[in-house]
Amino acid sequence: MATTRRKKKPTVCLVLQGGGALGAYHIGAYQALEEAGFTPDWFAGISIGALNAAILAGNAPEQRLTKLEQFWERISRPGTDIDIPPVMAQTFNNASAQQALLFGQPDFFTPRPISPLLAPPGEGATSFYDTTPLFSTLSDLADFDLINKGEARLTVGATSVTNGDLVYFDSRTDTIEPAHAVASGSLPPGFPATKVGDDYYWDGGVVSNTPLNGILDLAGDDELLIFMVDLWNPKGELPQTMNEVLWREKEIQYASRTSEHIEALVAKRNLDHLLTKAPELLTSKDVPAATSLKADNKIDIVHITFDPIQGHIALSDTEFSRRSIRLRRESGYTDMKQALEASPWTQPNEGLPAHVHRRQCHGGWLEKKKLDKVS
């Protein structure tokens, strides 16, 4: 493991954003972490990120990558990793996505025999697909007894259908079952709400597509090294085609303003830290009363984001061909490996506890913003 500027070993967290088939990017990102000797203590995710996180947390370290690979093999169709000319990629991807919409994905979801638009009121009228196969797949590939024993911590986020709250289920306080991960990925109207306890839940991405807020709230005084793997980029070029318009709309919607959230959370933590060093400011009317003052624990967030591969389409998040899975995985591996080689969290800091590190436009790794000024 790379050296750090810390006095004690931090809790290593892997935070995985939702994004459907784009989640194959997570495979490569985790593989790079494993090869570099980073063994996460804590996995967190929303939607496909929750499914990947549950499989990783539900296996011994030496089995995690293998089981994650098996998951993506099971939910994709054999014979779909083929060599095609780059100019044919968009056509191939469109055909693959249409196949998923018409027939579902093996061991994941199947189309309703009756359209929900024609079905009588009830679960069959609330979604276009049935996620029953996913429960068996998760049970086969993840040991939920192991998760609940606390070998590795697991946190998944889901949205309560009845009150609209984003709820975090955490293995430290909840008995985690496959339903918790499935609930986190129950994106309407494609998938039905999933029952957990006495309530029903939709995809956590309905409210926020990244569980970072939950991690920081649940962490207490732990020092954290967070590897945050996102699938949607809030920043992008002006679209020139309808395909690009539809894709850009999704990026903006599902990125959930991640960058702004990160910077606000880190700025708040650094403000708390500064106030502990100048307690006389606590009497100022300009200081929020909600300041926690639990601010000495160091937090480093290493943030990588998926960039669409050549031939991407507006339905890339529903395109599960093994060809695309392989390419997205390779992209995640390359991006995480670059981040690990740069190890920006090991660089000298400015005395503040919380920092966010992102790849720059030119491809280098530098700390984008120290956030030492809070406005």
Protein backbone atom coordinates (compact mmCIF):
# COMPACT_ATOMS: atom_id res chain seq x y z
CA MET A 1 0.00 0.00 0.00
CA ALA A 2 1.24 3.49 -0.75
CA THR A 3 2.48 5.53 2.14
CA THR A 4 0.30 8.31 3.47
CA ARG A 5 0.77 11.49 5.45
CA ARG A 6 -1.30 10.03 8.29
CA LYS A 7 -0.17 8.99 11.73
CA LYS A 8 -2.56 6.05 11.83
CA LYS A 9 -4.10 3.75 9.24
CA PRO A 10 -7.28 5.23 7.82
CA THR A 11 -10.51 3.41 7.14
CA VAL A 12 -10.41 2.67 3.41
CA CYS A 13 -13.81 3.20 1.78
CA LEU A 14 -14.96 2.33 -1.73
CA VAL A 15 -17.97 4.43 -2.75
CA LEU A 16 -19.78 3.35 -5.93
CA GLN A 17 -22.27 5.50 -7.81
CA GLY A 18 -25.32 4.19 -9.65
CA GLY A 19 -25.51 3.98 -13.43
CA GLY A 20 -26.86 0.64 -14.66
CA ALA A 21 -24.64 -1.08 -17.21
CA LEU A 22 -22.00 1.62 -16.77
CA GLY A 23 -21.27 -0.08 -13.43
CA ALA A 24 -18.82 -2.40 -15.19
CA TYR A 25 -16.42 0.53 -14.70
CA HIS A 26 -16.41 -0.43 -11.01
CA ILE A 27 -14.86 -3.82 -11.80
CA GLY A 28 -11.69 -2.31 -13.17
CA ALA A 29 -11.50 0.33 -10.45
CA TYR A 30 -11.68 -2.37 -7.77
CA GLN A 31 -9.16 -4.55 -9.59
CA ALA A 32 -6.63 -1.70 -9.57
CA LEU A 33 -7.20 -1.17 -5.85
CA GLU A 34 -6.71 -4.85 -5.13
CA GLU A 35 -3.51 -5.07 -7.15
CA ALA A 36 -2.12 -2.04 -5.33
CA GLY A 37 -2.75 -3.67 -1.95
CA PHE A 38 -5.70 -1.55 -0.89
CA THR A 39 -8.29 -3.70 0.86
CA PRO A 40 -11.43 -1.64 1.54
CA ASP A 41 -12.78 -1.77 5.06
CA TRP A 42 -16.06 -0.23 3.98
CA PHE A 43 -18.12 -0.60 0.80
CA ALA A 44 -20.96 1.75 -0.05
CA GLY A 45 -23.14 2.12 -3.10
CA ILE A 46 -26.39 3.15 -4.69
CA SER A 47 -28.22 1.30 -7.48
CA ILE A 48 -25.74 -0.79 -9.51
CA GLY A 49 -23.13 0.50 -7.09
CA ALA A 50 -25.05 -1.12 -4.24
CA LEU A 51 -25.20 -4.45 -6.09
CA ASN A 52 -21.46 -4.38 -6.80
CA ALA A 53 -20.73 -3.27 -3.22
CA ALA A 54 -22.84 -6.10 -1.75
CA ILE A 55 -20.94 -8.70 -3.77
CA LEU A 56 -17.57 -7.24 -2.77
CA ALA A 57 -18.49 -6.99 0.92
CA GLY A 58 -20.09 -10.44 0.85
CA ASN A 59 -16.92 -12.29 -0.02
CA ALA A 60 -13.47 -12.88 1.43
CA PRO A 61 -10.87 -10.52 -0.09
CA GLU A 62 -9.31 -13.24 -2.23
CA GLN A 63 -12.73 -14.03 -3.80
CA ARG A 64 -14.09 -10.53 -4.34
CA LEU A 65 -12.89 -9.82 -7.85
CA THR A 66 -13.81 -13.31 -9.08
CA LYS A 67 -17.35 -13.06 -7.72
CA LEU A 68 -17.80 -9.58 -9.17
CA GLU A 69 -16.68 -10.88 -12.56
CA GLN A 70 -19.14 -13.76 -12.26
CA PHE A 71 -21.95 -11.32 -11.52
CA TRP A 72 -21.36 -9.38 -14.73
CA GLU A 73 -21.01 -12.58 -16.73
CA ARG A 74 -24.34 -13.82 -15.40
CA ILE A 75 -26.27 -10.63 -16.16
CA SER A 76 -24.90 -10.39 -19.72
CA ARG A 77 -25.33 -12.65 -22.73
CA PRO A 78 -22.63 -14.99 -24.06
CA GLY A 79 -21.33 -14.20 -27.50
CA THR A 80 -21.66 -10.42 -27.15
CA ASP A 81 -17.94 -9.64 -26.80
CA ILE A 82 -17.04 -9.40 -30.45
CA ASP A 83 -14.57 -7.42 -32.53
CA ILE A 84 -16.29 -4.75 -34.58
CA PRO A 85 -15.00 -1.73 -36.47
CA PRO A 86 -15.24 1.47 -34.40
CA VAL A 87 -17.63 2.96 -36.94
CA MET A 88 -20.06 0.13 -36.18
CA ALA A 89 -19.93 0.53 -32.40
CA GLN A 90 -22.96 2.80 -32.11
CA THR A 91 -25.10 0.50 -34.25
CA PHE A 92 -23.99 -2.52 -32.23
CA ASN A 93 -24.68 -0.76 -28.93
CA ASN A 94 -28.14 0.36 -30.05
CA ALA A 95 -29.02 -3.22 -30.98
CA SER A 96 -27.73 -4.49 -27.64
CA ALA A 97 -29.72 -1.90 -25.69
CA GLN A 98 -32.89 -2.70 -27.61
CA GLN A 99 -32.39 -6.38 -26.81
CA ALA A 100 -32.24 -5.51 -23.09
CA LEU A 101 -35.40 -3.41 -23.33
CA LEU A 102 -37.30 -6.15 -25.17
CA PHE A 103 -36.08 -9.25 -23.36
CA GLY A 104 -34.47 -8.07 -20.12
CA GLN A 105 -31.13 -9.36 -18.88
CA PRO A 106 -30.41 -12.92 -17.68
CA ASP A 107 -30.34 -13.37 -13.90
CA PHE A 108 -31.25 -9.71 -13.50
CA PHE A 109 -34.67 -8.62 -14.77
CA THR A 110 -37.38 -9.91 -17.09
CA PRO A 111 -40.19 -8.05 -18.91
CA ARG A 112 -43.69 -8.25 -17.51
CA PRO A 113 -45.94 -10.58 -19.54
CA ILE A 114 -48.60 -7.87 -19.47
CA SER A 115 -47.72 -4.23 -20.00
CA PRO A 116 -48.16 -2.22 -16.77
CA LEU A 117 -50.24 0.19 -18.84
CA LEU A 118 -52.82 -2.57 -19.28
CA ALA A 119 -52.45 -4.44 -15.97
CA PRO A 120 -54.86 -4.07 -13.01
CA PRO A 121 -53.62 -2.03 -10.01
CA GLY A 122 -50.87 -3.75 -8.05
CA GLU A 123 -47.16 -4.47 -8.44
CA GLY A 124 -47.58 -5.64 -12.03
CA ALA A 125 -48.96 -2.23 -12.95
CA THR A 126 -46.07 -0.30 -11.37
CA SER A 127 -43.10 -1.42 -13.46
CA PHE A 128 -42.14 -2.72 -16.87
CA TYR A 129 -39.79 -5.42 -15.52
CA ASP A 130 -39.65 -8.01 -12.76
CA THR A 131 -36.44 -8.12 -10.65
CA THR A 132 -37.13 -11.50 -9.01
CA PRO A 133 -34.09 -13.14 -10.72
CA LEU A 134 -31.76 -10.61 -9.10
CA PHE A 135 -32.55 -11.87 -5.59
CA SER A 136 -31.29 -15.35 -6.47
CA THR A 137 -28.22 -13.99 -8.23
CA LEU A 138 -27.19 -11.94 -5.20
CA SER A 139 -27.83 -14.86 -2.85
CA ASP A 140 -25.60 -17.06 -5.00
CA LEU A 141 -22.70 -14.61 -5.25
CA ALA A 142 -22.68 -12.80 -1.89
CA ASP A 143 -22.55 -14.27 1.62
CA PHE A 144 -24.89 -12.04 3.59
CA ASP A 145 -24.00 -13.82 6.83
CA LEU A 146 -20.44 -12.66 6.23
CA ILE A 147 -21.64 -9.11 5.65
CA ASN A 148 -23.61 -9.12 8.89
CA LYS A 149 -20.65 -10.51 10.83
CA GLY A 150 -18.88 -7.28 10.02
CA GLU A 151 -15.87 -8.58 8.11
CA ALA A 152 -16.32 -5.55 5.87
CA ARG A 153 -18.84 -2.79 6.39
CA LEU A 154 -21.60 -2.30 3.80
CA THR A 155 -23.85 0.73 3.34
CA VAL A 156 -26.50 1.05 0.62
CA GLY A 157 -28.94 3.89 -0.02
CA ALA A 158 -32.58 3.59 -1.10
CA THR A 159 -35.52 5.99 -1.38
CA SER A 160 -38.66 5.45 0.69
CA VAL A 161 -41.58 5.54 -1.75
CA THR A 162 -44.05 6.79 0.82
CA ASN A 163 -42.11 9.68 2.35
CA GLY A 164 -39.42 10.42 -0.22
CA ASP A 165 -36.51 10.13 2.23
CA LEU A 166 -33.14 8.73 1.23
CA VAL A 167 -32.47 5.96 3.75
CA TYR A 168 -29.09 4.34 4.36
CA PHE A 169 -29.02 0.69 5.39
CA ASP A 170 -25.77 -0.10 7.18
CA SER A 171 -24.39 -3.46 8.26
CA ARG A 172 -23.29 -1.96 11.60
CA THR A 173 -26.91 -1.33 12.59
CA ASP A 174 -29.09 -3.35 10.19
CA THR A 175 -29.29 -7.00 9.24
CA ILE A 176 -28.52 -6.74 5.54
CA GLU A 177 -30.32 -9.02 3.10
CA PRO A 178 -30.45 -9.18 -0.72
CA ALA A 179 -33.58 -7.03 -0.59
CA HIS A 180 -31.58 -4.05 0.70
CA ALA A 181 -29.29 -4.07 -2.34
CA VAL A 182 -32.16 -4.76 -4.75
CA ALA A 183 -34.13 -1.88 -3.21
CA SER A 184 -31.20 0.44 -3.82
CA GLY A 185 -31.37 -0.46 -7.53
CA SER A 186 -35.16 -0.41 -7.97
CA LEU A 187 -35.32 2.49 -10.42
CA PRO A 188 -38.88 3.32 -11.50
CA PRO A 189 -40.71 2.89 -13.77
CA GLY A 190 -38.48 0.10 -15.05
CA PHE A 191 -38.31 -1.78 -11.77
CA PRO A 192 -40.91 -2.17 -8.99
CA ALA A 193 -40.46 -0.88 -5.47
CA THR A 194 -38.80 -3.44 -3.19
CA LYS A 195 -40.16 -4.21 0.25
CA VAL A 196 -37.74 -3.96 3.16
CA GLY A 197 -39.35 -4.42 6.54
CA ASP A 198 -42.72 -2.70 6.44
CA ASP A 199 -41.80 -0.08 3.84
CA TYR A 200 -41.22 -0.03 0.10
CA TYR A 201 -38.17 1.50 -1.55
CA TRP A 202 -37.06 2.77 -4.91
CA ASP A 203 -33.57 3.38 -6.24
CA GLY A 204 -31.51 5.71 -4.07
CA GLY A 205 -30.68 7.66 -7.22
CA VAL A 206 -34.21 9.08 -7.19
CA VAL A 207 -32.87 11.41 -4.48
CA SER A 208 -29.08 11.18 -4.73
CA ASN A 209 -27.00 8.86 -6.87
CA THR A 210 -23.98 8.74 -4.58
CA PRO A 211 -23.84 7.63 -0.92
CA LEU A 212 -21.04 9.99 0.10
CA ASN A 213 -23.25 11.96 2.47
CA GLY A 214 -24.23 8.78 4.25
CA ILE A 215 -20.60 7.68 4.62
CA LEU A 216 -19.54 10.95 6.22
CA ASP A 217 -22.55 10.97 8.54
CA LEU A 218 -21.95 7.39 9.66
CA ALA A 219 -18.16 7.58 9.96
CA GLY A 220 -18.02 9.27 13.36
CA ASP A 221 -14.44 10.14 14.23
CA ASP A 222 -12.80 7.66 11.84
CA GLU A 223 -10.05 8.87 9.56
CA LEU A 224 -11.12 8.09 6.00
CA LEU A 225 -9.43 7.40 2.70
CA ILE A 226 -12.38 7.35 0.30
CA PHE A 227 -12.12 6.08 -3.26
CA MET A 228 -15.20 7.50 -4.95
CA VAL A 229 -16.04 5.93 -8.31
CA ASP A 230 -18.68 7.83 -10.29
CA LEU A 231 -20.41 6.89 -13.52
CA TRP A 232 -21.89 10.23 -14.55
CA ASN A 233 -19.99 13.43 -15.26
CA PRO A 234 -21.78 16.70 -14.40
CA LYS A 235 -19.52 18.56 -16.83
CA GLY A 236 -19.71 18.04 -20.58
CA GLU A 237 -19.70 19.57 -24.04
CA LEU A 238 -22.64 21.27 -25.72
CA PRO A 239 -24.61 18.50 -27.51
CA GLN A 240 -24.68 18.54 -31.31
CA THR A 241 -27.06 15.63 -31.96
CA MET A 242 -30.22 14.25 -30.37
CA ASN A 243 -28.25 11.25 -29.10
CA GLU A 244 -25.88 13.65 -27.35
CA VAL A 245 -28.80 15.68 -25.97
CA LEU A 246 -30.41 12.61 -24.40
CA TRP A 247 -27.07 11.42 -22.99
CA ARG A 248 -26.19 14.85 -21.59
CA GLU A 249 -29.59 15.08 -19.92
CA LYS A 250 -28.93 11.78 -18.15
CA GLU A 251 -25.45 12.86 -17.09
CA ILE A 252 -26.78 16.02 -15.47
CA GLN A 253 -29.70 14.21 -13.82
CA TYR A 254 -27.78 11.27 -12.38
CA ALA A 255 -24.54 13.03 -11.51
CA SER A 256 -26.62 14.41 -8.62
CA ARG A 257 -24.41 17.48 -8.40
CA THR A 258 -21.69 15.25 -6.97
CA SER A 259 -18.89 17.79 -7.33
CA GLU A 260 -20.83 20.48 -5.52
CA HIS A 261 -21.83 18.08 -2.77
CA ILE A 262 -18.27 16.94 -2.23
CA GLU A 263 -16.91 20.46 -2.06
CA ALA A 264 -19.67 21.60 0.31
CA LEU A 265 -19.09 18.65 2.64
CA VAL A 266 -15.33 19.10 2.64
CA ALA A 267 -15.61 22.85 3.14
CA LYS A 268 -17.93 22.27 6.10
CA ARG A 269 -15.48 19.81 7.66
CA ASN A 270 -12.59 22.26 7.23
CA LEU A 271 -14.68 25.05 8.72
CA ASP A 272 -15.34 22.91 11.76
CA HIS A 273 -11.62 22.29 12.05
CA LEU A 274 -10.78 26.00 11.89
CA LEU A 275 -13.36 26.78 14.54
CA THR A 276 -11.80 24.29 16.94
CA LYS A 277 -8.58 26.25 16.58
CA ALA A 278 -10.32 29.56 17.26
CA PRO A 279 -13.04 28.86 19.82
CA GLU A 280 -13.65 32.57 20.35
CA LEU A 281 -15.44 32.57 17.01
CA LEU A 282 -18.12 30.27 18.34
CA THR A 283 -19.91 33.21 19.91
CA SER A 284 -20.12 34.99 16.57
CA LYS A 285 -23.56 35.26 15.02
CA ASP A 286 -21.94 34.44 11.69
CA VAL A 287 -21.05 30.89 12.75
CA PRO A 288 -23.79 28.28 12.14
CA ALA A 289 -25.10 26.73 15.33
CA ALA A 290 -25.03 23.29 13.72
CA THR A 291 -21.23 23.13 13.54
CA SER A 292 -20.29 19.69 14.81
CA LEU A 293 -16.69 20.43 15.90
CA LYS A 294 -15.80 16.80 15.20
CA ALA A 295 -13.27 17.92 12.67
CA ASP A 296 -9.80 16.62 13.47
CA ASN A 297 -10.19 13.31 11.66
CA LYS A 298 -8.51 13.38 8.27
CA ILE A 299 -10.60 12.72 5.17
CA ASP A 300 -9.18 12.27 1.69
CA ILE A 301 -11.57 11.72 -1.21
CA VAL A 302 -10.02 10.33 -4.39
CA HIS A 303 -12.63 10.92 -7.09
CA ILE A 304 -12.63 9.24 -10.51
CA THR A 305 -15.42 9.44 -13.08
CA PHE A 306 -16.30 7.29 -16.07
CA ASP A 307 -15.82 8.88 -19.50
CA PRO A 308 -18.05 7.40 -22.24
CA ILE A 309 -16.27 5.09 -24.65
CA GLN A 310 -16.41 5.40 -28.41
CA GLY A 311 -19.82 4.59 -29.82
CA HIS A 312 -21.72 5.39 -26.63
CA ILE A 313 -25.45 5.96 -26.99
CA ALA A 314 -28.17 7.60 -24.94
CA LEU A 315 -29.13 4.13 -23.67
CA SER A 316 -25.61 3.14 -22.62
CA ASP A 317 -26.80 2.55 -19.06
CA THR A 318 -29.07 -0.23 -20.38
CA GLU A 319 -26.50 -1.69 -22.79
CA PHE A 320 -25.05 -4.86 -21.24
CA SER A 321 -23.04 -6.43 -24.07
CA ARG A 322 -19.89 -8.16 -22.88
CA ARG A 323 -17.94 -6.03 -25.31
CA SER A 324 -19.05 -2.84 -23.59
CA ILE A 325 -18.60 -4.40 -20.14
CA ARG A 326 -14.99 -5.23 -21.04
CA LEU A 327 -14.27 -1.74 -22.36
CA ARG A 328 -15.82 -0.02 -19.35
CA ARG A 329 -13.89 -2.29 -17.01
CA GLU A 330 -10.64 -1.45 -18.79
CA SER A 331 -11.44 2.25 -18.45
CA GLY A 332 -12.06 1.93 -14.70
CA TYR A 333 -8.81 0.01 -14.27
CA THR A 334 -6.79 2.64 -16.13
CA ASP A 335 -8.34 5.58 -14.28
CA MET A 336 -7.93 4.06 -10.81
CA LYS A 337 -4.39 2.91 -11.56
CA GLN A 338 -3.44 6.46 -12.55
CA ALA A 339 -4.95 7.77 -9.35
CA LEU A 340 -3.07 5.24 -7.25
CA GLU A 341 0.22 5.95 -9.00
CA ALA A 342 -0.20 9.67 -8.29
CA SER A 343 -1.32 8.97 -4.67
CA PRO A 344 -2.38 12.61 -4.17
CA TRP A 345 -3.42 11.96 -0.57
CA THR A 346 0.26 11.45 0.33
CA GLN A 347 1.25 14.97 -0.69
CA PRO A 348 1.93 17.70 1.88
CA ASN A 349 -1.22 19.44 3.03
CA GLU A 350 -1.97 22.90 4.33
CA GLY A 351 -2.98 21.85 7.82
CA LEU A 352 -6.60 21.14 6.97
CA PRO A 353 -8.13 17.73 7.59
CA ALA A 354 -10.35 17.28 4.52
CA HIS A 355 -9.26 17.23 0.88
CA VAL A 356 -10.71 16.15 -2.45
CA HIS A 357 -8.53 14.92 -5.30
CA ARG A 358 -9.62 14.76 -8.94
CA ARG A 359 -8.02 14.17 -12.30
CA GLN A 360 -7.29 17.37 -14.15
CA CYS A 361 -8.31 18.06 -17.74
CA HIS A 362 -4.78 17.38 -18.99
CA GLY A 363 -4.87 13.95 -17.36
CA GLY A 364 -2.56 14.62 -14.43
CA TRP A 365 -3.48 14.08 -10.82
CA LEU A 366 -3.35 17.10 -8.57
CA GLU A 367 -5.54 18.24 -5.75
CA LYS A 368 -8.12 20.29 -7.57
CA LYS A 369 -9.12 22.44 -4.65
CA LYS A 370 -7.72 22.75 -1.15
CA LEU A 371 -10.94 24.37 0.03
CA ASP A 372 -9.05 26.38 2.62
CA LYS A 373 -11.38 29.33 2.10
CA VAL A 374 -14.97 29.02 3.14
CA SER A 375 -17.36 31.62 1.81
